[in-house]
Amino acid sequence: MEINIDLYKVGYLVGRYGTRALLYFTTAKTAISGYSRMDSLASKHSINSSNIEAVKDNLLECLEYIDW
């Protein structure tokens, strides 16, 4: 009994599925790091909604960027 293995097909399949796994891994790592960066940025720039003066000042600062 002889087993014939086509190394071209093996290399193709390893490359195909290896590339997919690497793509999914890098996409997941990028999404996780992007989320953590945005979460930290949002927590640094959050406004205390119980402080009426801070909310009013933020609203007035934002109004200058709205194009009527």
PDB file of N, CA and C in Angstrom:
ATOM      1  N   MET A   1       0.844  -1.170   0.000  1.00  0.00           N
ATOM      2  CA  MET A   1       0.000   0.000   0.000  1.00  0.00           C
ATOM      3  C   MET A   1       0.891   1.234   0.000  1.00  0.00           C
ATOM      4  N   GLU A   2       0.673   2.064  -0.974  1.00  0.00           N
ATOM      5  CA  GLU A   2       1.499   3.263  -1.135  1.00  0.00           C
ATOM      6  C   GLU A   2       0.615   4.504  -1.028  1.00  0.00           C
ATOM      7  N   ILE A   3       1.076   5.473  -0.263  1.00  0.00           N
ATOM      8  CA  ILE A   3       0.332   6.722  -0.087  1.00  0.00           C
ATOM      9  C   ILE A   3       1.036   7.807  -0.887  1.00  0.00           C
ATOM     10  N   ASN A   4       0.297   8.414  -1.790  1.00  0.00           N
ATOM     11  CA  ASN A   4       0.835   9.500  -2.604  1.00  0.00           C
ATOM     12  C   ASN A   4       0.312  10.828  -2.072  1.00  0.00           C
ATOM     13  N   ILE A   5       1.216  11.714  -1.744  1.00  0.00           N
ATOM     14  CA  ILE A   5       0.850  13.038  -1.249  1.00  0.00           C
ATOM     15  C   ILE A   5       1.354  14.070  -2.239  1.00  0.00           C
ATOM     16  N   ASP A   6       0.443  14.875  -2.726  1.00  0.00           N
ATOM     17  CA  ASP A   6       0.810  15.944  -3.648  1.00  0.00           C
ATOM     18  C   ASP A   6       1.205  17.164  -2.816  1.00  0.00           C
ATOM     19  N   LEU A   7       2.485  17.459  -2.761  1.00  0.00           N
ATOM     20  CA  LEU A   7       2.981  18.552  -1.929  1.00  0.00           C
ATOM     21  C   LEU A   7       2.486  19.914  -2.407  1.00  0.00           C
ATOM     22  N   TYR A   8       2.190  20.046  -3.687  1.00  0.00           N
ATOM     23  CA  TYR A   8       1.650  21.300  -4.198  1.00  0.00           C
ATOM     24  C   TYR A   8       0.278  21.574  -3.572  1.00  0.00           C
ATOM     25  N   LYS A   9      -0.583  20.542  -3.523  1.00  0.00           N
ATOM     26  CA  LYS A   9      -1.909  20.718  -2.931  1.00  0.00           C
ATOM     27  C   LYS A   9      -1.816  20.953  -1.427  1.00  0.00           C
ATOM     28  N   VAL A  10      -0.905  20.260  -0.769  1.00  0.00           N
ATOM     29  CA  VAL A  10      -0.723  20.456   0.672  1.00  0.00           C
ATOM     30  C   VAL A  10      -0.281  21.886   0.953  1.00  0.00           C
ATOM     31  N   GLY A  11       0.693  22.373   0.197  1.00  0.00           N
ATOM     32  CA  GLY A  11       1.171  23.746   0.364  1.00  0.00           C
ATOM     33  C   GLY A  11       0.083  24.763   0.081  1.00  0.00           C
ATOM     34  N   TYR A  12      -0.727  24.485  -0.936  1.00  0.00           N
ATOM     35  CA  TYR A  12      -1.823  25.387  -1.270  1.00  0.00           C
ATOM     36  C   TYR A  12      -2.830  25.465  -0.126  1.00  0.00           C
ATOM     37  N   LEU A  13      -3.228  24.316   0.411  1.00  0.00           N
ATOM     38  CA  LEU A  13      -4.211  24.293   1.489  1.00  0.00           C
ATOM     39  C   LEU A  13      -3.661  24.925   2.767  1.00  0.00           C
ATOM     40  N   VAL A  14      -2.408  24.654   3.086  1.00  0.00           N
ATOM     41  CA  VAL A  14      -1.803  25.257   4.273  1.00  0.00           C
ATOM     42  C   VAL A  14      -1.738  26.775   4.109  1.00  0.00           C
ATOM     43  N   GLY A  15      -1.358  27.248   2.953  1.00  0.00           N
ATOM     44  CA  GLY A  15      -1.294  28.684   2.693  1.00  0.00           C
ATOM     45  C   GLY A  15      -2.662  29.332   2.714  1.00  0.00           C
ATOM     46  N   ARG A  16      -3.634  28.653   2.131  1.00  0.00           N
ATOM     47  CA  ARG A  16      -4.984  29.212   2.072  1.00  0.00           C
ATOM     48  C   ARG A  16      -5.591  29.363   3.467  1.00  0.00           C
ATOM     49  N   TYR A  17      -5.558  28.294   4.234  1.00  0.00           N
ATOM     50  CA  TYR A  17      -6.176  28.351   5.559  1.00  0.00           C
ATOM     51  C   TYR A  17      -5.295  29.095   6.560  1.00  0.00           C
ATOM     52  N   GLY A  18      -4.001  29.060   6.374  1.00  0.00           N
ATOM     53  CA  GLY A  18      -3.112  29.835   7.232  1.00  0.00           C
ATOM     54  C   GLY A  18      -3.310  31.324   7.043  1.00  0.00           C
ATOM     55  N   THR A  19      -3.511  31.745   5.811  1.00  0.00           N
ATOM     56  CA  THR A  19      -3.759  33.154   5.520  1.00  0.00           C
ATOM     57  C   THR A  19      -5.088  33.607   6.121  1.00  0.00           C
ATOM     58  N   ARG A  20      -6.096  32.755   6.029  1.00  0.00           N
ATOM     59  CA  ARG A  20      -7.395  33.108   6.622  1.00  0.00           C
ATOM     60  C   ARG A  20      -7.273  33.239   8.137  1.00  0.00           C
ATOM     61  N   ALA A  21      -6.579  32.307   8.766  1.00  0.00           N
ATOM     62  CA  ALA A  21      -6.416  32.361  10.219  1.00  0.00           C
ATOM     63  C   ALA A  21      -5.650  33.619  10.625  1.00  0.00           C
ATOM     64  N   LEU A  22      -4.595  33.947   9.885  1.00  0.00           N
ATOM     65  CA  LEU A  22      -3.817  35.149  10.175  1.00  0.00           C
ATOM     66  C   LEU A  22      -4.652  36.406   9.979  1.00  0.00           C
ATOM     67  N   LEU A  23      -5.485  36.428   8.955  1.00  0.00           N
ATOM     68  CA  LEU A  23      -6.365  37.572   8.706  1.00  0.00           C
ATOM     69  C   LEU A  23      -7.354  37.756   9.853  1.00  0.00           C
ATOM     70  N   TYR A  24      -7.982  36.671  10.287  1.00  0.00           N
ATOM     71  CA  TYR A  24      -8.936  36.761  11.387  1.00  0.00           C
ATOM     72  C   TYR A  24      -8.245  37.186  12.675  1.00  0.00           C
ATOM     73  N   PHE A  25      -7.052  36.659  12.917  1.00  0.00           N
ATOM     74  CA  PHE A  25      -6.310  37.004  14.126  1.00  0.00           C
ATOM     75  C   PHE A  25      -5.934  38.478  14.143  1.00  0.00           C
ATOM     76  N   THR A  26      -5.389  38.986  13.035  1.00  0.00           N
ATOM     77  CA  THR A  26      -4.980  40.395  12.997  1.00  0.00           C
ATOM     78  C   THR A  26      -6.194  41.329  13.046  1.00  0.00           C
ATOM     79  N   THR A  27      -7.293  40.924  12.425  1.00  0.00           N
ATOM     80  CA  THR A  27      -8.507  41.744  12.484  1.00  0.00           C
ATOM     81  C   THR A  27      -9.027  41.823  13.912  1.00  0.00           C
ATOM     82  N   ALA A  28      -9.026  40.703  14.600  1.00  0.00           N
ATOM     83  CA  ALA A  28      -9.504  40.689  15.983  1.00  0.00           C
ATOM     84  C   ALA A  28      -8.590  41.518  16.874  1.00  0.00           C
ATOM     85  N   LYS A  29      -7.273  41.387  16.714  1.00  0.00           N
ATOM     86  CA  LYS A  29      -6.339  42.161  17.528  1.00  0.00           C
ATOM     87  C   LYS A  29      -6.498  43.654  17.264  1.00  0.00           C
ATOM     88  N   THR A  30      -6.680  44.042  16.004  1.00  0.00           N
ATOM     89  CA  THR A  30      -6.854  45.448  15.660  1.00  0.00           C
ATOM     90  C   THR A  30      -8.157  45.995  16.244  1.00  0.00           C
ATOM     91  N   ALA A  31      -9.220  45.218  16.157  1.00  0.00           N
ATOM     92  CA  ALA A  31     -10.504  45.662  16.700  1.00  0.00           C
ATOM     93  C   ALA A  31     -10.436  45.808  18.219  1.00  0.00           C
ATOM     94  N   ILE A  32      -9.802  44.873  18.882  1.00  0.00           N
ATOM     95  CA  ILE A  32      -9.703  44.932  20.344  1.00  0.00           C
ATOM     96  C   ILE A  32      -8.856  46.121  20.780  1.00  0.00           C
ATOM     97  N   SER A  33      -7.724  46.329  20.107  1.00  0.00           N
ATOM     98  CA  SER A  33      -6.874  47.460  20.498  1.00  0.00           C
ATOM     99  C   SER A  33      -7.546  48.790  20.163  1.00  0.00           C
ATOM    100  N   GLY A  34      -8.254  48.861  19.053  1.00  0.00           N
ATOM    101  CA  GLY A  34      -8.975  50.083  18.708  1.00  0.00           C
ATOM    102  C   GLY A  34     -10.080  50.383  19.698  1.00  0.00           C
ATOM    103  N   TYR A  35     -10.793  49.340  20.122  1.00  0.00           N
ATOM    104  CA  TYR A  35     -11.856  49.537  21.114  1.00  0.00           C
ATOM    105  C   TYR A  35     -11.271  50.014  22.438  1.00  0.00           C
ATOM    106  N   SER A  36     -10.164  49.409  22.864  1.00  0.00           N
ATOM    107  CA  SER A  36      -9.590  49.810  24.155  1.00  0.00           C
ATOM    108  C   SER A  36      -9.049  51.233  24.097  1.00  0.00           C
ATOM    109  N   ARG A  37      -8.493  51.635  22.958  1.00  0.00           N
ATOM    110  CA  ARG A  37      -8.019  53.017  22.825  1.00  0.00           C
ATOM    111  C   ARG A  37      -9.181  54.000  22.852  1.00  0.00           C
ATOM    112  N   MET A  38     -10.258  53.689  22.163  1.00  0.00           N
ATOM    113  CA  MET A  38     -11.412  54.576  22.149  1.00  0.00           C
ATOM    114  C   MET A  38     -12.081  54.616  23.516  1.00  0.00           C
ATOM    115  N   ASP A  39     -12.104  53.496  24.203  1.00  0.00           N
ATOM    116  CA  ASP A  39     -12.694  53.455  25.535  1.00  0.00           C
ATOM    117  C   ASP A  39     -11.886  54.318  26.497  1.00  0.00           C
ATOM    118  N   SER A  40     -10.566  54.241  26.419  1.00  0.00           N
ATOM    119  CA  SER A  40      -9.742  55.057  27.309  1.00  0.00           C
ATOM    120  C   SER A  40      -9.856  56.537  26.946  1.00  0.00           C
ATOM    121  N   LEU A  41      -9.936  56.845  25.658  1.00  0.00           N
ATOM    122  CA  LEU A  41     -10.095  58.234  25.225  1.00  0.00           C
ATOM    123  C   LEU A  41     -11.438  58.792  25.687  1.00  0.00           C
ATOM    124  N   ALA A  42     -12.481  57.990  25.570  1.00  0.00           N
ATOM    125  CA  ALA A  42     -13.808  58.441  25.998  1.00  0.00           C
ATOM    126  C   ALA A  42     -13.868  58.640  27.505  1.00  0.00           C
ATOM    127  N   SER A  43     -13.200  57.776  28.251  1.00  0.00           N
ATOM    128  CA  SER A  43     -13.241  57.946  29.706  1.00  0.00           C
ATOM    129  C   SER A  43     -12.438  59.164  30.154  1.00  0.00           C
ATOM    130  N   LYS A  44     -11.396  59.512  29.406  1.00  0.00           N
ATOM    131  CA  LYS A  44     -10.610  60.706  29.753  1.00  0.00           C
ATOM    132  C   LYS A  44     -11.377  61.986  29.462  1.00  0.00           C
ATOM    133  N   HIS A  45     -12.226  61.962  28.433  1.00  0.00           N
ATOM    134  CA  HIS A  45     -12.933  63.162  28.011  1.00  0.00           C
ATOM    135  C   HIS A  45     -14.410  63.139  28.378  1.00  0.00           C
ATOM    136  N   SER A  46     -14.798  62.295  29.304  1.00  0.00           N
ATOM    137  CA  SER A  46     -16.205  62.233  29.679  1.00  0.00           C
ATOM    138  C   SER A  46     -16.580  63.456  30.517  1.00  0.00           C
ATOM    139  N   ILE A  47     -17.839  63.799  30.464  1.00  0.00           N
ATOM    140  CA  ILE A  47     -18.351  64.968  31.173  1.00  0.00           C
ATOM    141  C   ILE A  47     -19.212  64.486  32.328  1.00  0.00           C
ATOM    142  N   ASN A  48     -19.063  65.122  33.454  1.00  0.00           N
ATOM    143  CA  ASN A  48     -19.884  64.809  34.613  1.00  0.00           C
ATOM    144  C   ASN A  48     -21.278  65.388  34.360  1.00  0.00           C
ATOM    145  N   SER A  49     -22.226  64.510  34.046  1.00  0.00           N
ATOM    146  CA  SER A  49     -23.560  64.994  33.666  1.00  0.00           C
ATOM    147  C   SER A  49     -24.333  65.562  34.845  1.00  0.00           C
ATOM    148  N   SER A  50     -23.889  65.320  36.061  1.00  0.00           N
ATOM    149  CA  SER A  50     -24.589  65.892  37.211  1.00  0.00           C
ATOM    150  C   SER A  50     -24.168  67.339  37.454  1.00  0.00           C
ATOM    151  N   ASN A  51     -23.057  67.773  36.821  1.00  0.00           N
ATOM    152  CA  ASN A  51     -22.592  69.157  36.959  1.00  0.00           C
ATOM    153  C   ASN A  51     -23.190  69.978  35.820  1.00  0.00           C
ATOM    154  N   ILE A  52     -24.165  70.808  36.128  1.00  0.00           N
ATOM    155  CA  ILE A  52     -24.888  71.560  35.102  1.00  0.00           C
ATOM    156  C   ILE A  52     -23.978  72.554  34.395  1.00  0.00           C
ATOM    157  N   GLU A  53     -23.063  73.165  35.102  1.00  0.00           N
ATOM    158  CA  GLU A  53     -22.150  74.137  34.484  1.00  0.00           C
ATOM    159  C   GLU A  53     -21.248  73.467  33.445  1.00  0.00           C
ATOM    160  N   ALA A  54     -20.750  72.282  33.744  1.00  0.00           N
ATOM    161  CA  ALA A  54     -19.881  71.582  32.801  1.00  0.00           C
ATOM    162  C   ALA A  54     -20.643  71.187  31.542  1.00  0.00           C
ATOM    163  N   VAL A  55     -21.891  70.743  31.701  1.00  0.00           N
ATOM    164  CA  VAL A  55     -22.717  70.384  30.548  1.00  0.00           C
ATOM    165  C   VAL A  55     -23.008  71.612  29.701  1.00  0.00           C
ATOM    166  N   LYS A  56     -23.340  72.737  30.345  1.00  0.00           N
ATOM    167  CA  LYS A  56     -23.634  73.973  29.618  1.00  0.00           C
ATOM    168  C   LYS A  56     -22.402  74.453  28.854  1.00  0.00           C
ATOM    169  N   ASP A  57     -21.238  74.425  29.500  1.00  0.00           N
ATOM    170  CA  ASP A  57     -20.009  74.858  28.832  1.00  0.00           C
ATOM    171  C   ASP A  57     -19.686  73.967  27.635  1.00  0.00           C
ATOM    172  N   ASN A  58     -19.873  72.667  27.800  1.00  0.00           N
ATOM    173  CA  ASN A  58     -19.605  71.749  26.694  1.00  0.00           C
ATOM    174  C   ASN A  58     -20.566  71.991  25.542  1.00  0.00           C
ATOM    175  N   LEU A  59     -21.829  72.225  25.857  1.00  0.00           N
ATOM    176  CA  LEU A  59     -22.822  72.494  24.816  1.00  0.00           C
ATOM    177  C   LEU A  59     -22.487  73.770  24.063  1.00  0.00           C
ATOM    178  N   LEU A  60     -22.101  74.804  24.778  1.00  0.00           N
ATOM    179  CA  LEU A  60     -21.760  76.064  24.122  1.00  0.00           C
ATOM    180  C   LEU A  60     -20.497  75.942  23.280  1.00  0.00           C
ATOM    181  N   GLU A  61     -19.548  75.125  23.719  1.00  0.00           N
ATOM    182  CA  GLU A  61     -18.340  74.898  22.916  1.00  0.00           C
ATOM    183  C   GLU A  61     -18.674  74.139  21.634  1.00  0.00           C
ATOM    184  N   CYS A  62     -19.606  73.213  21.726  1.00  0.00           N
ATOM    185  CA  CYS A  62     -19.972  72.417  20.550  1.00  0.00           C
ATOM    186  C   CYS A  62     -20.801  73.202  19.550  1.00  0.00           C
ATOM    187  N   LEU A  63     -21.559  74.170  20.017  1.00  0.00           N
ATOM    188  CA  LEU A  63     -22.432  74.943  19.119  1.00  0.00           C
ATOM    189  C   LEU A  63     -21.649  75.722  18.099  1.00  0.00           C
ATOM    190  N   GLU A  64     -20.433  76.138  18.405  1.00  0.00           N
ATOM    191  CA  GLU A  64     -19.670  76.928  17.438  1.00  0.00           C
ATOM    192  C   GLU A  64     -19.248  76.094  16.225  1.00  0.00           C
ATOM    193  N   TYR A  65     -19.266  74.753  16.353  1.00  0.00           N
ATOM    194  CA  TYR A  65     -18.862  73.897  15.242  1.00  0.00           C
ATOM    195  C   TYR A  65     -20.050  73.453  14.375  1.00  0.00           C
ATOM    196  N   ILE A  66     -21.270  73.790  14.798  1.00  0.00           N
ATOM    197  CA  ILE A  66     -22.450  73.411  14.015  1.00  0.00           C
ATOM    198  C   ILE A  66     -22.668  74.466  12.937  1.00  0.00           C
ATOM    199  N   ASP A  67     -22.759  73.995  11.709  1.00  0.00           N
ATOM    200  CA  ASP A  67     -22.984  74.903  10.582  1.00  0.00           C
ATOM    201  C   ASP A  67     -24.488  75.037  10.357  1.00  0.00           C
ATOM    202  N   TRP A  68     -25.007  76.227  10.585  1.00  0.00           N
ATOM    203  CA  TRP A  68     -26.432  76.452  10.411  1.00  0.00           C
ATOM    204  C   TRP A  68     -26.664  76.666   8.975  1.00  0.00           C
TER     205      TRP A  68
END
